[in-house]
PDB file of N, CA and C in Angstrom:
ATOM      1  N   MET A   1      41.974  -3.780   6.495  1.00  0.00           N
ATOM      2  CA  MET A   1      40.727  -4.274   5.968  1.00  0.00           C
ATOM      3  C   MET A   1      39.785  -3.110   5.640  1.00  0.00           C
ATOM      4  N   PHE A   2      39.486  -2.282   6.602  1.00  0.00           N
ATOM      5  CA  PHE A   2      38.617  -1.120   6.396  1.00  0.00           C
ATOM      6  C   PHE A   2      39.476   0.139   6.506  1.00  0.00           C
ATOM      7  N   THR A   3      40.300   0.387   5.527  1.00  0.00           N
ATOM      8  CA  THR A   3      41.256   1.488   5.589  1.00  0.00           C
ATOM      9  C   THR A   3      40.614   2.853   5.398  1.00  0.00           C
ATOM     10  N   GLY A   4      39.406   2.909   4.870  1.00  0.00           N
ATOM     11  CA  GLY A   4      38.764   4.190   4.614  1.00  0.00           C
ATOM     12  C   GLY A   4      37.922   4.701   5.763  1.00  0.00           C
ATOM     13  N   THR A   5      38.054   4.115   6.935  1.00  0.00           N
ATOM     14  CA  THR A   5      37.239   4.541   8.065  1.00  0.00           C
ATOM     15  C   THR A   5      38.093   4.765   9.305  1.00  0.00           C
ATOM     16  N   ALA A   6      37.629   5.676  10.132  1.00  0.00           N
ATOM     17  CA  ALA A   6      38.299   5.910  11.415  1.00  0.00           C
ATOM     18  C   ALA A   6      37.837   4.898  12.455  1.00  0.00           C
ATOM     19  N   HIS A   7      36.865   4.054  12.091  1.00  0.00           N
ATOM     20  CA  HIS A   7      36.277   3.095  13.031  1.00  0.00           C
ATOM     21  C   HIS A   7      36.272   1.687  12.428  1.00  0.00           C
ATOM     22  N   PRO A   8      37.428   1.086  12.215  1.00  0.00           N
ATOM     23  CA  PRO A   8      37.485  -0.215  11.552  1.00  0.00           C
ATOM     24  C   PRO A   8      36.788  -1.333  12.323  1.00  0.00           C
ATOM     25  N   ASP A   9      36.863  -1.325  13.646  1.00  0.00           N
ATOM     26  CA  ASP A   9      36.203  -2.374  14.424  1.00  0.00           C
ATOM     27  C   ASP A   9      34.683  -2.302  14.258  1.00  0.00           C
ATOM     28  N   GLU A  10      34.154  -1.096  14.335  1.00  0.00           N
ATOM     29  CA  GLU A  10      32.716  -0.915  14.173  1.00  0.00           C
ATOM     30  C   GLU A  10      32.282  -1.275  12.751  1.00  0.00           C
ATOM     31  N   ALA A  11      33.094  -0.913  11.755  1.00  0.00           N
ATOM     32  CA  ALA A  11      32.785  -1.238  10.364  1.00  0.00           C
ATOM     33  C   ALA A  11      32.759  -2.748  10.164  1.00  0.00           C
ATOM     34  N   ALA A  12      33.694  -3.454  10.759  1.00  0.00           N
ATOM     35  CA  ALA A  12      33.734  -4.914  10.643  1.00  0.00           C
ATOM     36  C   ALA A  12      32.519  -5.542  11.309  1.00  0.00           C
ATOM     37  N   ARG A  13      32.152  -5.055  12.485  1.00  0.00           N
ATOM     38  CA  ARG A  13      30.972  -5.598  13.169  1.00  0.00           C
ATOM     39  C   ARG A  13      29.706  -5.325  12.367  1.00  0.00           C
ATOM     40  N   PHE A  14      29.606  -4.135  11.764  1.00  0.00           N
ATOM     41  CA  PHE A  14      28.443  -3.808  10.949  1.00  0.00           C
ATOM     42  C   PHE A  14      28.374  -4.725   9.719  1.00  0.00           C
ATOM     43  N   ALA A  15      29.504  -4.920   9.052  1.00  0.00           N
ATOM     44  CA  ALA A  15      29.531  -5.791   7.877  1.00  0.00           C
ATOM     45  C   ALA A  15      29.125  -7.209   8.240  1.00  0.00           C
ATOM     46  N   LEU A  16      29.577  -7.697   9.373  1.00  0.00           N
ATOM     47  CA  LEU A  16      29.196  -9.025   9.833  1.00  0.00           C
ATOM     48  C   LEU A  16      27.702  -9.093  10.093  1.00  0.00           C
ATOM     49  N   TRP A  17      27.164  -8.104  10.798  1.00  0.00           N
ATOM     50  CA  TRP A  17      25.720  -8.061  11.075  1.00  0.00           C
ATOM     51  C   TRP A  17      24.928  -7.998   9.774  1.00  0.00           C
ATOM     52  N   LEU A  18      25.342  -7.129   8.863  1.00  0.00           N
ATOM     53  CA  LEU A  18      24.621  -6.914   7.616  1.00  0.00           C
ATOM     54  C   LEU A  18      24.516  -8.189   6.786  1.00  0.00           C
ATOM     55  N   ASN A  19      25.524  -9.031   6.849  1.00  0.00           N
ATOM     56  CA  ASN A  19      25.574 -10.213   5.993  1.00  0.00           C
ATOM     57  C   ASN A  19      25.214 -11.521   6.678  1.00  0.00           C
ATOM     58  N   THR A  20      24.998 -11.492   7.993  1.00  0.00           N
ATOM     59  CA  THR A  20      24.691 -12.746   8.685  1.00  0.00           C
ATOM     60  C   THR A  20      23.455 -12.689   9.564  1.00  0.00           C
ATOM     61  N   SER A  21      23.023 -11.520   9.952  1.00  0.00           N
ATOM     62  CA  SER A  21      21.887 -11.384  10.854  1.00  0.00           C
ATOM     63  C   SER A  21      20.576 -11.600  10.105  1.00  0.00           C
ATOM     64  N   GLU A  22      19.704 -12.423  10.650  1.00  0.00           N
ATOM     65  CA  GLU A  22      18.401 -12.621  10.020  1.00  0.00           C
ATOM     66  C   GLU A  22      17.633 -11.302   9.938  1.00  0.00           C
ATOM     67  N   GLU A  23      17.777 -10.471  10.966  1.00  0.00           N
ATOM     68  CA  GLU A  23      17.122  -9.160  10.960  1.00  0.00           C
ATOM     69  C   GLU A  23      17.587  -8.324   9.758  1.00  0.00           C
ATOM     70  N   ALA A  24      18.895  -8.264   9.551  1.00  0.00           N
ATOM     71  CA  ALA A  24      19.437  -7.480   8.438  1.00  0.00           C
ATOM     72  C   ALA A  24      19.046  -8.086   7.098  1.00  0.00           C
ATOM     73  N   LEU A  25      19.111  -9.403   6.992  1.00  0.00           N
ATOM     74  CA  LEU A  25      18.737 -10.062   5.736  1.00  0.00           C
ATOM     75  C   LEU A  25      17.270  -9.823   5.410  1.00  0.00           C
ATOM     76  N   MET A  26      16.410  -9.835   6.421  1.00  0.00           N
ATOM     77  CA  MET A  26      14.987  -9.565   6.194  1.00  0.00           C
ATOM     78  C   MET A  26      14.777  -8.127   5.739  1.00  0.00           C
ATOM     79  N   LEU A  27      15.475  -7.183   6.366  1.00  0.00           N
ATOM     80  CA  LEU A  27      15.349  -5.784   5.952  1.00  0.00           C
ATOM     81  C   LEU A  27      15.803  -5.593   4.507  1.00  0.00           C
ATOM     82  N   LEU A  28      16.931  -6.188   4.147  1.00  0.00           N
ATOM     83  CA  LEU A  28      17.413  -6.093   2.774  1.00  0.00           C
ATOM     84  C   LEU A  28      16.411  -6.707   1.802  1.00  0.00           C
ATOM     85  N   ALA A  29      15.891  -7.867   2.157  1.00  0.00           N
ATOM     86  CA  ALA A  29      14.942  -8.555   1.285  1.00  0.00           C
ATOM     87  C   ALA A  29      13.669  -7.746   1.100  1.00  0.00           C
ATOM     88  N   GLU A  30      13.178  -7.162   2.178  1.00  0.00           N
ATOM     89  CA  GLU A  30      11.930  -6.403   2.112  1.00  0.00           C
ATOM     90  C   GLU A  30      12.090  -5.061   1.412  1.00  0.00           C
ATOM     91  N   LYS A  31      13.221  -4.412   1.587  1.00  0.00           N
ATOM     92  CA  LYS A  31      13.402  -3.057   1.062  1.00  0.00           C
ATOM     93  C   LYS A  31      14.097  -3.009  -0.294  1.00  0.00           C
ATOM     94  N   ALA A  32      15.046  -3.904  -0.525  1.00  0.00           N
ATOM     95  CA  ALA A  32      15.837  -3.823  -1.754  1.00  0.00           C
ATOM     96  C   ALA A  32      15.554  -4.972  -2.726  1.00  0.00           C
ATOM     97  N   ASN A  33      14.991  -6.058  -2.237  1.00  0.00           N
ATOM     98  CA  ASN A  33      14.668  -7.232  -3.040  1.00  0.00           C
ATOM     99  C   ASN A  33      15.831  -7.849  -3.805  1.00  0.00           C
ATOM    100  N   PRO A  34      17.030  -7.902  -3.224  1.00  0.00           N
ATOM    101  CA  PRO A  34      18.103  -8.588  -3.939  1.00  0.00           C
ATOM    102  C   PRO A  34      17.906 -10.092  -3.815  1.00  0.00           C
ATOM    103  N   TYR A  35      18.405 -10.845  -4.765  1.00  0.00           N
ATOM    104  CA  TYR A  35      18.347 -12.296  -4.592  1.00  0.00           C
ATOM    105  C   TYR A  35      19.480 -12.676  -3.653  1.00  0.00           C
ATOM    106  N   PRO A  36      19.208 -13.489  -2.628  1.00  0.00           N
ATOM    107  CA  PRO A  36      20.231 -13.806  -1.632  1.00  0.00           C
ATOM    108  C   PRO A  36      21.375 -14.631  -2.223  1.00  0.00           C
ATOM    109  N   ALA A  37      22.533 -14.487  -1.629  1.00  0.00           N
ATOM    110  CA  ALA A  37      23.726 -15.183  -2.102  1.00  0.00           C
ATOM    111  C   ALA A  37      23.859 -16.584  -1.522  1.00  0.00           C
ATOM    112  N   THR A  38      22.991 -16.949  -0.584  1.00  0.00           N
ATOM    113  CA  THR A  38      23.076 -18.269   0.029  1.00  0.00           C
ATOM    114  C   THR A  38      21.735 -18.972   0.003  1.00  0.00           C
ATOM    115  N   ARG A  39      21.772 -20.282   0.085  1.00  0.00           N
ATOM    116  CA  ARG A  39      20.523 -21.054   0.151  1.00  0.00           C
ATOM    117  C   ARG A  39      19.767 -20.746   1.434  1.00  0.00           C
ATOM    118  N   THR A  40      20.506 -20.511   2.515  1.00  0.00           N
ATOM    119  CA  THR A  40      19.863 -20.155   3.779  1.00  0.00           C
ATOM    120  C   THR A  40      19.100 -18.850   3.620  1.00  0.00           C
ATOM    121  N   GLY A  41      19.716 -17.877   2.988  1.00  0.00           N
ATOM    122  CA  GLY A  41      19.041 -16.602   2.752  1.00  0.00           C
ATOM    123  C   GLY A  41      17.801 -16.769   1.901  1.00  0.00           C
ATOM    124  N   ALA A  42      17.856 -17.647   0.920  1.00  0.00           N
ATOM    125  CA  ALA A  42      16.716 -17.870   0.035  1.00  0.00           C
ATOM    126  C   ALA A  42      15.540 -18.510   0.753  1.00  0.00           C
ATOM    127  N   SER A  43      15.793 -19.106   1.918  1.00  0.00           N
ATOM    128  CA  SER A  43      14.706 -19.742   2.654  1.00  0.00           C
ATOM    129  C   SER A  43      13.956 -18.784   3.578  1.00  0.00           C
ATOM    130  N   LEU A  44      14.370 -17.510   3.628  1.00  0.00           N
ATOM    131  CA  LEU A  44      13.656 -16.538   4.456  1.00  0.00           C
ATOM    132  C   LEU A  44      12.222 -16.394   3.950  1.00  0.00           C
ATOM    133  N   PRO A  45      11.255 -16.278   4.842  1.00  0.00           N
ATOM    134  CA  PRO A  45       9.843 -16.201   4.453  1.00  0.00           C
ATOM    135  C   PRO A  45       9.522 -15.101   3.444  1.00  0.00           C
ATOM    136  N   VAL A  46      10.238 -14.014   3.482  1.00  0.00           N
ATOM    137  CA  VAL A  46       9.945 -12.902   2.585  1.00  0.00           C
ATOM    138  C   VAL A  46      10.100 -13.315   1.120  1.00  0.00           C
ATOM    139  N   TYR A  47      10.952 -14.297   0.843  1.00  0.00           N
ATOM    140  CA  TYR A  47      11.165 -14.719  -0.543  1.00  0.00           C
ATOM    141  C   TYR A  47      10.034 -15.598  -1.077  1.00  0.00           C
ATOM    142  N   ALA A  48       9.125 -15.995  -0.238  1.00  0.00           N
ATOM    143  CA  ALA A  48       7.956 -16.755  -0.688  1.00  0.00           C
ATOM    144  C   ALA A  48       6.809 -15.822  -1.085  1.00  0.00           C
ATOM    145  N   GLN A  49       6.959 -14.545  -0.805  1.00  0.00           N
ATOM    146  CA  GLN A  49       5.913 -13.565  -1.085  1.00  0.00           C
ATOM    147  C   GLN A  49       6.096 -12.962  -2.467  1.00  0.00           C
ATOM    148  N   GLY A  50       5.046 -12.344  -2.948  1.00  0.00           N
ATOM    149  CA  GLY A  50       5.139 -11.603  -4.188  1.00  0.00           C
ATOM    150  C   GLY A  50       5.930 -10.322  -3.980  1.00  0.00           C
ATOM    151  N   VAL A  51       6.453  -9.782  -5.072  1.00  0.00           N
ATOM    152  CA  VAL A  51       7.253  -8.563  -5.017  1.00  0.00           C
ATOM    153  C   VAL A  51       6.469  -7.454  -5.708  1.00  0.00           C
ATOM    154  N   GLU A  52       6.187  -6.391  -4.967  1.00  0.00           N
ATOM    155  CA  GLU A  52       5.383  -5.283  -5.492  1.00  0.00           C
ATOM    156  C   GLU A  52       5.944  -4.746  -6.807  1.00  0.00           C
ATOM    157  N   PHE A  53       7.262  -4.601  -6.888  1.00  0.00           N
ATOM    158  CA  PHE A  53       7.900  -4.062  -8.089  1.00  0.00           C
ATOM    159  C   PHE A  53       7.538  -4.884  -9.325  1.00  0.00           C
ATOM    160  N   TYR A  54       7.329  -6.175  -9.152  1.00  0.00           N
ATOM    161  CA  TYR A  54       6.989  -7.079 -10.253  1.00  0.00           C
ATOM    162  C   TYR A  54       5.489  -7.373 -10.296  1.00  0.00           C
ATOM    163  N   GLY A  55       4.698  -6.436  -9.849  1.00  0.00           N
ATOM    164  CA  GLY A  55       3.248  -6.607  -9.899  1.00  0.00           C
ATOM    165  C   GLY A  55       2.724  -7.673  -8.963  1.00  0.00           C
ATOM    166  N   GLY A  56       3.445  -7.932  -7.890  1.00  0.00           N
ATOM    167  CA  GLY A  56       3.022  -8.921  -6.910  1.00  0.00           C
ATOM    168  C   GLY A  56       3.389 -10.355  -7.267  1.00  0.00           C
ATOM    169  N   GLN A  57       4.085 -10.544  -8.374  1.00  0.00           N
ATOM    170  CA  GLN A  57       4.480 -11.891  -8.779  1.00  0.00           C
ATOM    171  C   GLN A  57       5.514 -12.465  -7.819  1.00  0.00           C
ATOM    172  N   ARG A  58       5.512 -13.766  -7.690  1.00  0.00           N
ATOM    173  CA  ARG A  58       6.477 -14.456  -6.829  1.00  0.00           C
ATOM    174  C   ARG A  58       7.724 -14.799  -7.644  1.00  0.00           C
ATOM    175  N   VAL A  59       8.458 -13.773  -7.997  1.00  0.00           N
ATOM    176  CA  VAL A  59       9.607 -13.940  -8.889  1.00  0.00           C
ATOM    177  C   VAL A  59      10.741 -14.723  -8.250  1.00  0.00           C
ATOM    178  N   HIS A  60      10.819 -14.731  -6.935  1.00  0.00           N
ATOM    179  CA  HIS A  60      11.916 -15.440  -6.284  1.00  0.00           C
ATOM    180  C   HIS A  60      11.807 -16.947  -6.485  1.00  0.00           C
ATOM    181  N   ALA A  61      10.614 -17.453  -6.728  1.00  0.00           N
ATOM    182  CA  ALA A  61      10.465 -18.879  -7.043  1.00  0.00           C
ATOM    183  C   ALA A  61      11.154 -19.192  -8.370  1.00  0.00           C
ATOM    184  N   VAL A  62      11.031 -18.285  -9.317  1.00  0.00           N
ATOM    185  CA  VAL A  62      11.708 -18.452 -10.612  1.00  0.00           C
ATOM    186  C   VAL A  62      13.219 -18.366 -10.419  1.00  0.00           C
ATOM    187  N   PHE A  63      13.658 -17.396  -9.640  1.00  0.00           N
ATOM    188  CA  PHE A  63      15.087 -17.243  -9.381  1.00  0.00           C
ATOM    189  C   PHE A  63      15.643 -18.485  -8.679  1.00  0.00           C
ATOM    190  N   ALA A  64      14.896 -19.015  -7.716  1.00  0.00           N
ATOM    191  CA  ALA A  64      15.347 -20.197  -6.975  1.00  0.00           C
ATOM    192  C   ALA A  64      15.492 -21.392  -7.914  1.00  0.00           C
ATOM    193  N   GLN A  65      14.547 -21.560  -8.823  1.00  0.00           N
ATOM    194  CA  GLN A  65      14.637 -22.657  -9.791  1.00  0.00           C
ATOM    195  C   GLN A  65      15.865 -22.470 -10.684  1.00  0.00           C
ATOM    196  N   ALA A  66      16.079 -21.252 -11.153  1.00  0.00           N
ATOM    197  CA  ALA A  66      17.236 -20.977 -12.003  1.00  0.00           C
ATOM    198  C   ALA A  66      18.545 -21.211 -11.248  1.00  0.00           C
ATOM    199  N   ALA A  67      18.553 -20.921  -9.962  1.00  0.00           N
ATOM    200  CA  ALA A  67      19.764 -21.087  -9.156  1.00  0.00           C
ATOM    201  C   ALA A  67      20.190 -22.548  -9.071  1.00  0.00           C
ATOM    202  N   THR A  68      19.253 -23.474  -9.232  1.00  0.00           N
ATOM    203  CA  THR A  68      19.618 -24.900  -9.187  1.00  0.00           C
ATOM    204  C   THR A  68      20.455 -25.306 -10.399  1.00  0.00           C
ATOM    205  N   GLN A  69      20.459 -24.467 -11.411  1.00  0.00           N
ATOM    206  CA  GLN A  69      21.221 -24.752 -12.631  1.00  0.00           C
ATOM    207  C   GLN A  69      22.645 -24.210 -12.594  1.00  0.00           C
ATOM    208  N   VAL A  70      22.999 -23.527 -11.519  1.00  0.00           N
ATOM    209  CA  VAL A  70      24.324 -22.919 -11.383  1.00  0.00           C
ATOM    210  C   VAL A  70      25.265 -23.925 -10.716  1.00  0.00           C
ATOM    211  N   THR A  71      26.393 -24.132 -11.338  1.00  0.00           N
ATOM    212  CA  THR A  71      27.409 -25.019 -10.768  1.00  0.00           C
ATOM    213  C   THR A  71      28.300 -24.193  -9.845  1.00  0.00           C
ATOM    214  N   PRO A  72      28.373 -24.557  -8.563  1.00  0.00           N
ATOM    215  CA  PRO A  72      29.228 -23.792  -7.652  1.00  0.00           C
ATOM    216  C   PRO A  72      30.664 -23.696  -8.177  1.00  0.00           C
ATOM    217  N   GLY A  73      31.213 -22.507  -8.074  1.00  0.00           N
ATOM    218  CA  GLY A  73      32.586 -22.278  -8.510  1.00  0.00           C
ATOM    219  C   GLY A  73      32.747 -22.134 -10.013  1.00  0.00           C
ATOM    220  N   SER A  74      31.646 -21.929 -10.728  1.00  0.00           N
ATOM    221  CA  SER A  74      31.713 -21.890 -12.182  1.00  0.00           C
ATOM    222  C   SER A  74      31.833 -20.486 -12.756  1.00  0.00           C
ATOM    223  N   LEU A  75      32.231 -19.531 -11.926  1.00  0.00           N
ATOM    224  CA  LEU A  75      32.340 -18.166 -12.436  1.00  0.00           C
ATOM    225  C   LEU A  75      33.369 -18.043 -13.468  1.00  0.00           C
TER     226      LEU A  75
END
């Protein structure tokens, strides 16, 4: 799974934390502003705030509305 590391167990635990921990999701949301891949992630309080990069606009509300138009599995 993690063939490029001498510490595969630690890498797996980190990947799990990074993608499931509310703490990690909040840090990612606050620092990188990616749109979350899950509805649960989109409900984090940080996504209700304005984004400095966009002049303080609440762009995630627009993204959330657009996400309702996506059919799951339609890639």
